[in-house]
Amino acid sequence: MSSALITTLNLNGIRAAHRRGLMEWLALANPDVLLLQEVRAPEEVTEALLGPEWNVHTHPCAIKGRAGVAVALRRDGQFQAEGEPRVGLSPDEPDYDTGRWVELDLVGPTDLTVVSAYFHSGSVGTPKQEQKMAHLPRIEVRLAQLLDQNALVAGDFNVVRSELDIKNWKGNHNKSAGVLDEEIAFLNRWVDSGWSDVVRDLAGPNQGPYSWWSWRGKAFDNDAGWRIDYQYASRGLAQSAQRYEIFRAPSWDARFSDHAPVTVEYQFS
């Protein structure tokens, strides 16, 4: 038996996260696979900041300073890349959809396809929400294709699934982007189709655990958070999930991102 730690993390900009202590956390957490969102940097910058211990595969956004996703593998770790990454969901994506989806096939204790995904955040009543709602069906098509493989789709989905995933459900439900029924329906439909929301399955039907808190006000101190960072596993992989950890910084000013790293341990025979 062997086990592997897979972490998904929205960096909110790798340069800022690096300044705020990303590498200190990374040395302690020691994941085997790191799925990153909102990298906001070209590949050479990401490689330089993560250092020589990591093999990095990125998909930057065509719009400078926005989005960007990456898969990073420890050079001496259990998993190695097989082939080149696949980026995007269609060959003719508009610029605002780039930097949001990167797939990589891995070989190691098990053959595995991993995806680092960054969904649009949206904003009710604006073109940003229209972009989000146009992107979600394209994601759904790809998820259906991946479901029968050994696959993990993880990242910042920018949508809660239920009132368990947000502290202030009543104040946000069908009022704020990420808490609209039409968005939530996508995430729940994917679970109904056979994908496993790994952290929810391990945590059970309890409030939280949250993965994002606004930088503003007392959201972090009051634990007024949202659970919008997910690991969705295909049927076979889901059965190997053993435990999860969401790293919550000890204080507001000790955070290196407004998102917490979400780590799951998978055990392979």
C-alpha atoms as a PDB file:
ATOM      1  CA  MET A   1       0.000   0.000   0.000  1.00  0.00           C
ATOM      2  CA  SER A   2       1.153   3.532  -0.711  1.00  0.00           C
ATOM      3  CA  SER A   3      -0.475   6.880  -0.090  1.00  0.00           C
ATOM      4  CA  ALA A   4      -0.222  10.281  -1.722  1.00  0.00           C
ATOM      5  CA  LEU A   5      -1.203  13.780  -0.680  1.00  0.00           C
ATOM      6  CA  ILE A   6      -2.889  15.941  -3.302  1.00  0.00           C
ATOM      7  CA  THR A   7      -3.465  19.624  -2.553  1.00  0.00           C
ATOM      8  CA  THR A   8      -5.535  22.199  -4.382  1.00  0.00           C
ATOM      9  CA  LEU A   9      -4.852  25.857  -3.639  1.00  0.00           C
ATOM     10  CA  ASN A  10      -5.977  29.179  -5.062  1.00  0.00           C
ATOM     11  CA  LEU A  11      -2.897  31.351  -4.579  1.00  0.00           C
ATOM     12  CA  ASN A  12      -4.520  34.722  -5.234  1.00  0.00           C
ATOM     13  CA  GLY A  13      -1.275  35.501  -7.075  1.00  0.00           C
ATOM     14  CA  ILE A  14       1.866  33.406  -6.631  1.00  0.00           C
ATOM     15  CA  ARG A  15       4.150  36.400  -6.119  1.00  0.00           C
ATOM     16  CA  ALA A  16       2.087  37.700  -3.193  1.00  0.00           C
ATOM     17  CA  ALA A  17       1.610  34.217  -1.728  1.00  0.00           C
ATOM     18  CA  HIS A  18       5.359  33.620  -1.927  1.00  0.00           C
ATOM     19  CA  ARG A  19       6.035  36.831   0.004  1.00  0.00           C
ATOM     20  CA  ARG A  20       3.470  35.893   2.639  1.00  0.00           C
ATOM     21  CA  GLY A  21       4.842  32.452   3.498  1.00  0.00           C
ATOM     22  CA  LEU A  22       3.707  29.970   0.861  1.00  0.00           C
ATOM     23  CA  MET A  23       6.994  28.087   0.835  1.00  0.00           C
ATOM     24  CA  GLU A  24       7.103  27.682   4.607  1.00  0.00           C
ATOM     25  CA  TRP A  25       3.669  26.057   4.525  1.00  0.00           C
ATOM     26  CA  LEU A  26       4.626  23.934   1.511  1.00  0.00           C
ATOM     27  CA  ALA A  27       7.696  22.555   3.284  1.00  0.00           C
ATOM     28  CA  LEU A  28       5.533  21.439   6.201  1.00  0.00           C
ATOM     29  CA  ALA A  29       2.580  20.099   4.208  1.00  0.00           C
ATOM     30  CA  ASN A  30       4.781  18.210   1.735  1.00  0.00           C
ATOM     31  CA  PRO A  31       2.129  17.262  -0.844  1.00  0.00           C
ATOM     32  CA  ASP A  32       2.995  14.968  -3.731  1.00  0.00           C
ATOM     33  CA  VAL A  33       0.816  16.830  -6.226  1.00  0.00           C
ATOM     34  CA  LEU A  34      -0.026  20.526  -6.098  1.00  0.00           C
ATOM     35  CA  LEU A  35      -2.936  21.903  -8.133  1.00  0.00           C
ATOM     36  CA  LEU A  36      -2.807  25.694  -8.286  1.00  0.00           C
ATOM     37  CA  GLN A  37      -5.252  28.374  -9.379  1.00  0.00           C
ATOM     38  CA  GLU A  38      -5.035  32.139  -9.800  1.00  0.00           C
ATOM     39  CA  VAL A  39      -1.303  31.818 -10.347  1.00  0.00           C
ATOM     40  CA  ARG A  40      -1.248  35.123 -12.262  1.00  0.00           C
ATOM     41  CA  ALA A  41       2.272  34.635 -13.574  1.00  0.00           C
ATOM     42  CA  PRO A  42       4.069  33.151 -16.584  1.00  0.00           C
ATOM     43  CA  GLU A  43       5.525  29.654 -16.287  1.00  0.00           C
ATOM     44  CA  GLU A  44       9.109  30.795 -15.774  1.00  0.00           C
ATOM     45  CA  VAL A  45       8.100  32.928 -12.778  1.00  0.00           C
ATOM     46  CA  THR A  46       6.080  30.084 -11.262  1.00  0.00           C
ATOM     47  CA  GLU A  47       8.985  27.679 -11.716  1.00  0.00           C
ATOM     48  CA  ALA A  48      11.457  30.108 -10.161  1.00  0.00           C
ATOM     49  CA  LEU A  49       9.267  30.804  -7.126  1.00  0.00           C
ATOM     50  CA  LEU A  50       8.420  27.150  -6.417  1.00  0.00           C
ATOM     51  CA  GLY A  51      12.049  26.165  -6.848  1.00  0.00           C
ATOM     52  CA  PRO A  52      13.936  23.214  -8.335  1.00  0.00           C
ATOM     53  CA  GLU A  53      12.113  20.622  -6.220  1.00  0.00           C
ATOM     54  CA  TRP A  54       9.040  20.932  -8.446  1.00  0.00           C
ATOM     55  CA  ASN A  55       8.163  20.068 -12.029  1.00  0.00           C
ATOM     56  CA  VAL A  56       5.654  22.705 -13.072  1.00  0.00           C
ATOM     57  CA  HIS A  57       3.079  22.581 -15.878  1.00  0.00           C
ATOM     58  CA  THR A  58       1.110  25.802 -16.314  1.00  0.00           C
ATOM     59  CA  HIS A  59      -1.645  27.336 -18.395  1.00  0.00           C
ATOM     60  CA  PRO A  60      -1.429  31.125 -18.008  1.00  0.00           C
ATOM     61  CA  CYS A  61      -4.332  33.392 -18.877  1.00  0.00           C
ATOM     62  CA  ALA A  62      -4.084  35.348 -22.125  1.00  0.00           C
ATOM     63  CA  ILE A  63      -5.061  38.428 -20.105  1.00  0.00           C
ATOM     64  CA  LYS A  64      -2.033  39.500 -18.108  1.00  0.00           C
ATOM     65  CA  GLY A  65      -2.450  39.450 -14.328  1.00  0.00           C
ATOM     66  CA  ARG A  66      -5.561  37.259 -14.323  1.00  0.00           C
ATOM     67  CA  ALA A  67      -6.389  33.600 -13.634  1.00  0.00           C
ATOM     68  CA  GLY A  68      -3.736  31.016 -14.530  1.00  0.00           C
ATOM     69  CA  VAL A  69      -3.659  27.371 -13.429  1.00  0.00           C
ATOM     70  CA  ALA A  70      -0.838  24.911 -12.830  1.00  0.00           C
ATOM     71  CA  VAL A  71       0.001  21.344 -11.862  1.00  0.00           C
ATOM     72  CA  ALA A  72       3.221  20.925  -9.867  1.00  0.00           C
ATOM     73  CA  LEU A  73       4.829  17.547  -9.133  1.00  0.00           C
ATOM     74  CA  ARG A  74       7.696  16.866  -6.759  1.00  0.00           C
ATOM     75  CA  ARG A  75      10.748  15.904  -8.827  1.00  0.00           C
ATOM     76  CA  ASP A  76      11.571  13.118  -6.370  1.00  0.00           C
ATOM     77  CA  GLY A  77       7.920  12.286  -5.713  1.00  0.00           C
ATOM     78  CA  GLN A  78       5.735   9.300  -6.482  1.00  0.00           C
ATOM     79  CA  PHE A  79       4.077  10.760  -9.568  1.00  0.00           C
ATOM     80  CA  GLN A  80       5.606  11.806 -12.855  1.00  0.00           C
ATOM     81  CA  ALA A  81       3.967  13.382 -15.870  1.00  0.00           C
ATOM     82  CA  GLU A  82       3.178  11.254 -18.891  1.00  0.00           C
ATOM     83  CA  GLY A  83       3.008  13.365 -22.025  1.00  0.00           C
ATOM     84  CA  GLU A  84       2.218  17.040 -22.298  1.00  0.00           C
ATOM     85  CA  PRO A  85      -0.535  18.932 -20.465  1.00  0.00           C
ATOM     86  CA  ARG A  86      -3.860  19.568 -22.171  1.00  0.00           C
ATOM     87  CA  VAL A  87      -5.104  23.104 -21.714  1.00  0.00           C
ATOM     88  CA  GLY A  88      -8.492  24.713 -22.074  1.00  0.00           C
ATOM     89  CA  LEU A  89     -11.847  23.233 -22.976  1.00  0.00           C
ATOM     90  CA  SER A  90     -11.997  24.183 -26.651  1.00  0.00           C
ATOM     91  CA  PRO A  91      -9.508  25.354 -29.281  1.00  0.00           C
ATOM     92  CA  ASP A  92     -11.281  28.672 -29.802  1.00  0.00           C
ATOM     93  CA  GLU A  93     -11.684  29.855 -26.218  1.00  0.00           C
ATOM     94  CA  PRO A  94     -12.114  33.590 -25.660  1.00  0.00           C
ATOM     95  CA  ASP A  95      -9.275  35.180 -23.723  1.00  0.00           C
ATOM     96  CA  TYR A  96     -11.355  35.403 -20.544  1.00  0.00           C
ATOM     97  CA  ASP A  97     -11.751  31.594 -20.513  1.00  0.00           C
ATOM     98  CA  THR A  98      -8.019  30.893 -20.797  1.00  0.00           C
ATOM     99  CA  GLY A  99      -5.915  30.038 -17.768  1.00  0.00           C
ATOM    100  CA  ARG A 100      -8.763  28.107 -16.183  1.00  0.00           C
ATOM    101  CA  TRP A 101      -8.271  24.440 -17.086  1.00  0.00           C
ATOM    102  CA  VAL A 102      -5.144  22.283 -17.320  1.00  0.00           C
ATOM    103  CA  GLU A 103      -5.092  18.466 -17.432  1.00  0.00           C
ATOM    104  CA  LEU A 104      -2.089  16.235 -16.918  1.00  0.00           C
ATOM    105  CA  ASP A 105      -1.765  12.445 -17.058  1.00  0.00           C
ATOM    106  CA  LEU A 106       0.344  10.987 -14.247  1.00  0.00           C
ATOM    107  CA  VAL A 107       2.080   7.666 -13.728  1.00  0.00           C
ATOM    108  CA  GLY A 108       2.969   6.430 -10.253  1.00  0.00           C
ATOM    109  CA  PRO A 109       1.268   4.328  -7.587  1.00  0.00           C
ATOM    110  CA  THR A 110      -1.718   4.502  -9.938  1.00  0.00           C
ATOM    111  CA  ASP A 111      -2.265   5.997 -13.363  1.00  0.00           C
ATOM    112  CA  LEU A 112      -4.194   9.192 -12.812  1.00  0.00           C
ATOM    113  CA  THR A 113      -5.432  12.218 -14.738  1.00  0.00           C
ATOM    114  CA  VAL A 114      -5.462  15.405 -12.676  1.00  0.00           C
ATOM    115  CA  VAL A 115      -7.105  18.703 -13.549  1.00  0.00           C
ATOM    116  CA  SER A 116      -6.469  22.084 -11.978  1.00  0.00           C
ATOM    117  CA  ALA A 117      -9.590  24.161 -12.607  1.00  0.00           C
ATOM    118  CA  TYR A 118     -10.468  27.762 -11.898  1.00  0.00           C
ATOM    119  CA  PHE A 119     -14.111  28.591 -12.571  1.00  0.00           C
ATOM    120  CA  HIS A 120     -15.285  32.137 -13.203  1.00  0.00           C
ATOM    121  CA  SER A 121     -16.285  34.008 -10.059  1.00  0.00           C
ATOM    122  CA  GLY A 122     -19.086  35.900 -11.797  1.00  0.00           C
ATOM    123  CA  SER A 123     -21.045  38.928 -10.671  1.00  0.00           C
ATOM    124  CA  VAL A 124     -24.824  38.988 -10.761  1.00  0.00           C
ATOM    125  CA  GLY A 125     -26.293  41.112 -13.526  1.00  0.00           C
ATOM    126  CA  THR A 126     -23.004  41.673 -15.358  1.00  0.00           C
ATOM    127  CA  PRO A 127     -21.206  40.148 -18.366  1.00  0.00           C
ATOM    128  CA  LYS A 128     -18.967  38.310 -15.887  1.00  0.00           C
ATOM    129  CA  GLN A 129     -21.935  36.208 -14.812  1.00  0.00           C
ATOM    130  CA  GLU A 130     -22.803  35.507 -18.432  1.00  0.00           C
ATOM    131  CA  GLN A 131     -19.230  34.306 -18.995  1.00  0.00           C
ATOM    132  CA  LYS A 132     -19.505  32.034 -15.968  1.00  0.00           C
ATOM    133  CA  MET A 133     -22.792  30.513 -17.064  1.00  0.00           C
ATOM    134  CA  ALA A 134     -21.436  29.911 -20.574  1.00  0.00           C
ATOM    135  CA  HIS A 135     -18.316  28.213 -19.187  1.00  0.00           C
ATOM    136  CA  LEU A 136     -20.060  25.775 -16.834  1.00  0.00           C
ATOM    137  CA  PRO A 137     -21.720  23.714 -19.617  1.00  0.00           C
ATOM    138  CA  ARG A 138     -18.354  23.291 -21.345  1.00  0.00           C
ATOM    139  CA  ILE A 139     -16.918  21.993 -18.081  1.00  0.00           C
ATOM    140  CA  GLU A 140     -19.852  19.605 -17.805  1.00  0.00           C
ATOM    141  CA  VAL A 141     -19.101  18.105 -21.215  1.00  0.00           C
ATOM    142  CA  ARG A 142     -15.478  17.422 -20.277  1.00  0.00           C
ATOM    143  CA  LEU A 143     -16.421  15.970 -16.888  1.00  0.00           C
ATOM    144  CA  ALA A 144     -18.689  13.451 -18.589  1.00  0.00           C
ATOM    145  CA  GLN A 145     -15.739  12.362 -20.742  1.00  0.00           C
ATOM    146  CA  LEU A 146     -13.431  11.983 -17.729  1.00  0.00           C
ATOM    147  CA  LEU A 147     -15.840  10.206 -15.391  1.00  0.00           C
ATOM    148  CA  ASP A 148     -14.957   6.652 -16.430  1.00  0.00           C
ATOM    149  CA  GLN A 149     -11.224   7.319 -16.102  1.00  0.00           C
ATOM    150  CA  ASN A 150      -9.154   7.462 -12.922  1.00  0.00           C
ATOM    151  CA  ALA A 151      -9.463  11.217 -12.642  1.00  0.00           C
ATOM    152  CA  LEU A 152      -9.390  14.082 -10.165  1.00  0.00           C
ATOM    153  CA  VAL A 153     -10.777  17.517 -10.983  1.00  0.00           C
ATOM    154  CA  ALA A 154      -9.834  19.990  -8.285  1.00  0.00           C
ATOM    155  CA  GLY A 155      -9.691  23.707  -7.805  1.00  0.00           C
ATOM    156  CA  ASP A 156     -11.636  26.846  -7.086  1.00  0.00           C
ATOM    157  CA  PHE A 157     -15.139  26.208  -8.429  1.00  0.00           C
ATOM    158  CA  ASN A 158     -16.484  29.542  -7.116  1.00  0.00           C
ATOM    159  CA  VAL A 159     -19.833  27.917  -6.236  1.00  0.00           C
ATOM    160  CA  VAL A 160     -21.166  26.452  -2.997  1.00  0.00           C
ATOM    161  CA  ARG A 161     -23.254  23.279  -3.072  1.00  0.00           C
ATOM    162  CA  SER A 162     -25.642  23.936  -0.180  1.00  0.00           C
ATOM    163  CA  GLU A 163     -26.218  25.914   2.984  1.00  0.00           C
ATOM    164  CA  LEU A 164     -23.539  23.747   4.632  1.00  0.00           C
ATOM    165  CA  ASP A 165     -20.916  25.448   2.474  1.00  0.00           C
ATOM    166  CA  ILE A 166     -21.428  29.080   3.467  1.00  0.00           C
ATOM    167  CA  LYS A 167     -21.802  30.798   6.822  1.00  0.00           C
ATOM    168  CA  ASN A 168     -24.358  33.374   5.644  1.00  0.00           C
ATOM    169  CA  TRP A 169     -26.610  31.344   3.376  1.00  0.00           C
ATOM    170  CA  LYS A 170     -29.727  33.438   3.878  1.00  0.00           C
ATOM    171  CA  GLY A 171     -28.003  36.705   3.036  1.00  0.00           C
ATOM    172  CA  ASN A 172     -26.432  35.333  -0.151  1.00  0.00           C
ATOM    173  CA  HIS A 173     -28.744  32.672  -1.577  1.00  0.00           C
ATOM    174  CA  ASN A 174     -29.949  33.716  -5.033  1.00  0.00           C
ATOM    175  CA  LYS A 175     -28.463  37.156  -4.424  1.00  0.00           C
ATOM    176  CA  SER A 176     -24.713  36.637  -4.796  1.00  0.00           C
ATOM    177  CA  ALA A 177     -22.663  34.927  -7.484  1.00  0.00           C
ATOM    178  CA  GLY A 178     -21.637  31.490  -6.295  1.00  0.00           C
ATOM    179  CA  VAL A 179     -24.863  30.995  -4.350  1.00  0.00           C
ATOM    180  CA  LEU A 180     -27.356  30.997  -7.219  1.00  0.00           C
ATOM    181  CA  ASP A 181     -29.536  27.940  -7.731  1.00  0.00           C
ATOM    182  CA  GLU A 182     -28.626  27.802 -11.425  1.00  0.00           C
ATOM    183  CA  GLU A 183     -24.917  27.542 -10.508  1.00  0.00           C
ATOM    184  CA  ILE A 184     -25.431  25.098  -7.660  1.00  0.00           C
ATOM    185  CA  ALA A 185     -27.390  22.800  -9.976  1.00  0.00           C
ATOM    186  CA  PHE A 186     -24.255  22.126 -12.022  1.00  0.00           C
ATOM    187  CA  LEU A 187     -22.168  20.961  -9.048  1.00  0.00           C
ATOM    188  CA  ASN A 188     -24.935  18.764  -7.694  1.00  0.00           C
ATOM    189  CA  ARG A 189     -25.693  17.294 -11.111  1.00  0.00           C
ATOM    190  CA  TRP A 190     -22.054  16.248 -11.443  1.00  0.00           C
ATOM    191  CA  VAL A 191     -22.255  14.449  -8.102  1.00  0.00           C
ATOM    192  CA  ASP A 192     -25.484  12.781  -9.194  1.00  0.00           C
ATOM    193  CA  SER A 193     -23.715  11.595 -12.359  1.00  0.00           C
ATOM    194  CA  GLY A 194     -21.048   9.766 -10.345  1.00  0.00           C
ATOM    195  CA  TRP A 195     -18.407  12.287  -9.310  1.00  0.00           C
ATOM    196  CA  SER A 196     -17.519  12.355  -5.604  1.00  0.00           C
ATOM    197  CA  ASP A 197     -17.205  15.623  -3.705  1.00  0.00           C
ATOM    198  CA  VAL A 198     -14.404  14.087  -1.670  1.00  0.00           C
ATOM    199  CA  VAL A 199     -14.203  16.566   1.202  1.00  0.00           C
ATOM    200  CA  ARG A 200     -17.968  16.605   1.741  1.00  0.00           C
ATOM    201  CA  ASP A 201     -18.071  12.815   1.682  1.00  0.00           C
ATOM    202  CA  LEU A 202     -15.302  12.641   4.289  1.00  0.00           C
ATOM    203  CA  ALA A 203     -16.598  15.515   6.436  1.00  0.00           C
ATOM    204  CA  GLY A 204     -20.218  14.403   6.476  1.00  0.00           C
ATOM    205  CA  PRO A 205     -23.305  16.629   6.603  1.00  0.00           C
ATOM    206  CA  ASN A 206     -21.810  19.233   8.932  1.00  0.00           C
ATOM    207  CA  GLN A 207     -21.450  22.985   8.571  1.00  0.00           C
ATOM    208  CA  GLY A 208     -18.288  23.803   6.661  1.00  0.00           C
ATOM    209  CA  PRO A 209     -15.415  23.162   6.445  1.00  0.00           C
ATOM    210  CA  TYR A 210     -14.811  26.491   4.717  1.00  0.00           C
ATOM    211  CA  SER A 211     -11.937  27.163   2.339  1.00  0.00           C
ATOM    212  CA  TRP A 212     -12.307  30.883   1.526  1.00  0.00           C
ATOM    213  CA  TRP A 213     -12.719  33.986   3.660  1.00  0.00           C
ATOM    214  CA  SER A 214     -12.818  37.533   2.341  1.00  0.00           C
ATOM    215  CA  TRP A 215      -9.818  39.721   3.105  1.00  0.00           C
ATOM    216  CA  ARG A 216     -12.309  42.414   4.128  1.00  0.00           C
ATOM    217  CA  GLY A 217     -13.704  43.035   7.582  1.00  0.00           C
ATOM    218  CA  LYS A 218     -13.837  40.289  10.199  1.00  0.00           C
ATOM    219  CA  ALA A 219     -14.788  37.413   7.898  1.00  0.00           C
ATOM    220  CA  PHE A 220     -11.763  35.326   8.836  1.00  0.00           C
ATOM    221  CA  ASP A 221     -11.909  36.091  12.562  1.00  0.00           C
ATOM    222  CA  ASN A 222     -15.628  35.237  12.642  1.00  0.00           C
ATOM    223  CA  ASP A 223     -15.183  32.186  10.398  1.00  0.00           C
ATOM    224  CA  ALA A 224     -17.699  33.686   7.962  1.00  0.00           C
ATOM    225  CA  GLY A 225     -16.394  31.541   5.150  1.00  0.00           C
ATOM    226  CA  TRP A 226     -17.397  29.723   1.992  1.00  0.00           C
ATOM    227  CA  ARG A 227     -16.493  26.222   0.800  1.00  0.00           C
ATOM    228  CA  ILE A 228     -15.712  26.783  -2.869  1.00  0.00           C
ATOM    229  CA  ASP A 229     -12.467  24.798  -3.288  1.00  0.00           C
ATOM    230  CA  TYR A 230     -13.139  21.183  -4.204  1.00  0.00           C
ATOM    231  CA  GLN A 231     -11.651  17.843  -5.089  1.00  0.00           C
ATOM    232  CA  TYR A 232     -14.057  15.955  -7.365  1.00  0.00           C
ATOM    233  CA  ALA A 233     -12.920  12.351  -7.832  1.00  0.00           C
ATOM    234  CA  SER A 234     -14.131   9.766 -10.316  1.00  0.00           C
ATOM    235  CA  ARG A 235     -15.693   6.581  -8.970  1.00  0.00           C
ATOM    236  CA  GLY A 236     -12.576   4.470  -8.552  1.00  0.00           C
ATOM    237  CA  LEU A 237     -10.382   7.199  -7.130  1.00  0.00           C
ATOM    238  CA  ALA A 238     -13.019   8.328  -4.641  1.00  0.00           C
ATOM    239  CA  GLN A 239     -12.856   4.961  -2.893  1.00  0.00           C
ATOM    240  CA  SER A 240      -9.176   5.520  -2.104  1.00  0.00           C
ATOM    241  CA  ALA A 241      -9.696   8.837  -0.258  1.00  0.00           C
ATOM    242  CA  GLN A 242      -8.703   8.441   3.401  1.00  0.00           C
ATOM    243  CA  ARG A 243      -8.764  11.864   5.045  1.00  0.00           C
ATOM    244  CA  TYR A 244      -8.752  15.560   4.280  1.00  0.00           C
ATOM    245  CA  GLU A 245      -7.178  18.661   5.769  1.00  0.00           C
ATOM    246  CA  ILE A 246      -8.022  22.305   5.150  1.00  0.00           C
ATOM    247  CA  PHE A 247      -5.166  24.399   6.472  1.00  0.00           C
ATOM    248  CA  ARG A 248      -6.602  27.407   8.289  1.00  0.00           C
ATOM    249  CA  ALA A 249      -3.913  29.936   9.165  1.00  0.00           C
ATOM    250  CA  PRO A 250      -3.616  30.778  12.869  1.00  0.00           C
ATOM    251  CA  SER A 251      -4.544  34.429  12.295  1.00  0.00           C
ATOM    252  CA  TRP A 252      -5.782  36.833   9.606  1.00  0.00           C
ATOM    253  CA  ASP A 253      -2.342  38.322   9.017  1.00  0.00           C
ATOM    254  CA  ALA A 254      -0.664  34.889   8.811  1.00  0.00           C
ATOM    255  CA  ARG A 255      -2.538  33.921   5.635  1.00  0.00           C
ATOM    256  CA  PHE A 256      -0.691  33.686   2.342  1.00  0.00           C
ATOM    257  CA  SER A 257      -3.969  33.672   0.373  1.00  0.00           C
ATOM    258  CA  ASP A 258      -7.637  34.330   0.972  1.00  0.00           C
ATOM    259  CA  HIS A 259      -8.115  30.626   0.160  1.00  0.00           C
ATOM    260  CA  ALA A 260      -6.931  27.738   2.319  1.00  0.00           C
ATOM    261  CA  PRO A 261      -5.096  24.746   0.870  1.00  0.00           C
ATOM    262  CA  VAL A 262      -7.370  21.702   0.616  1.00  0.00           C
ATOM    263  CA  THR A 263      -5.420  18.443   0.912  1.00  0.00           C
ATOM    264  CA  VAL A 264      -6.682  14.877   0.575  1.00  0.00           C
ATOM    265  CA  GLU A 265      -4.744  11.693   1.283  1.00  0.00           C
ATOM    266  CA  TYR A 266      -5.385   8.908  -1.214  1.00  0.00           C
ATOM    267  CA  GLN A 267      -4.261   5.338  -0.560  1.00  0.00           C
ATOM    268  CA  PHE A 268      -3.364   2.988  -3.393  1.00  0.00           C
ATOM    269  CA  SER A 269      -2.891  -0.784  -3.289  1.00  0.00           C
END
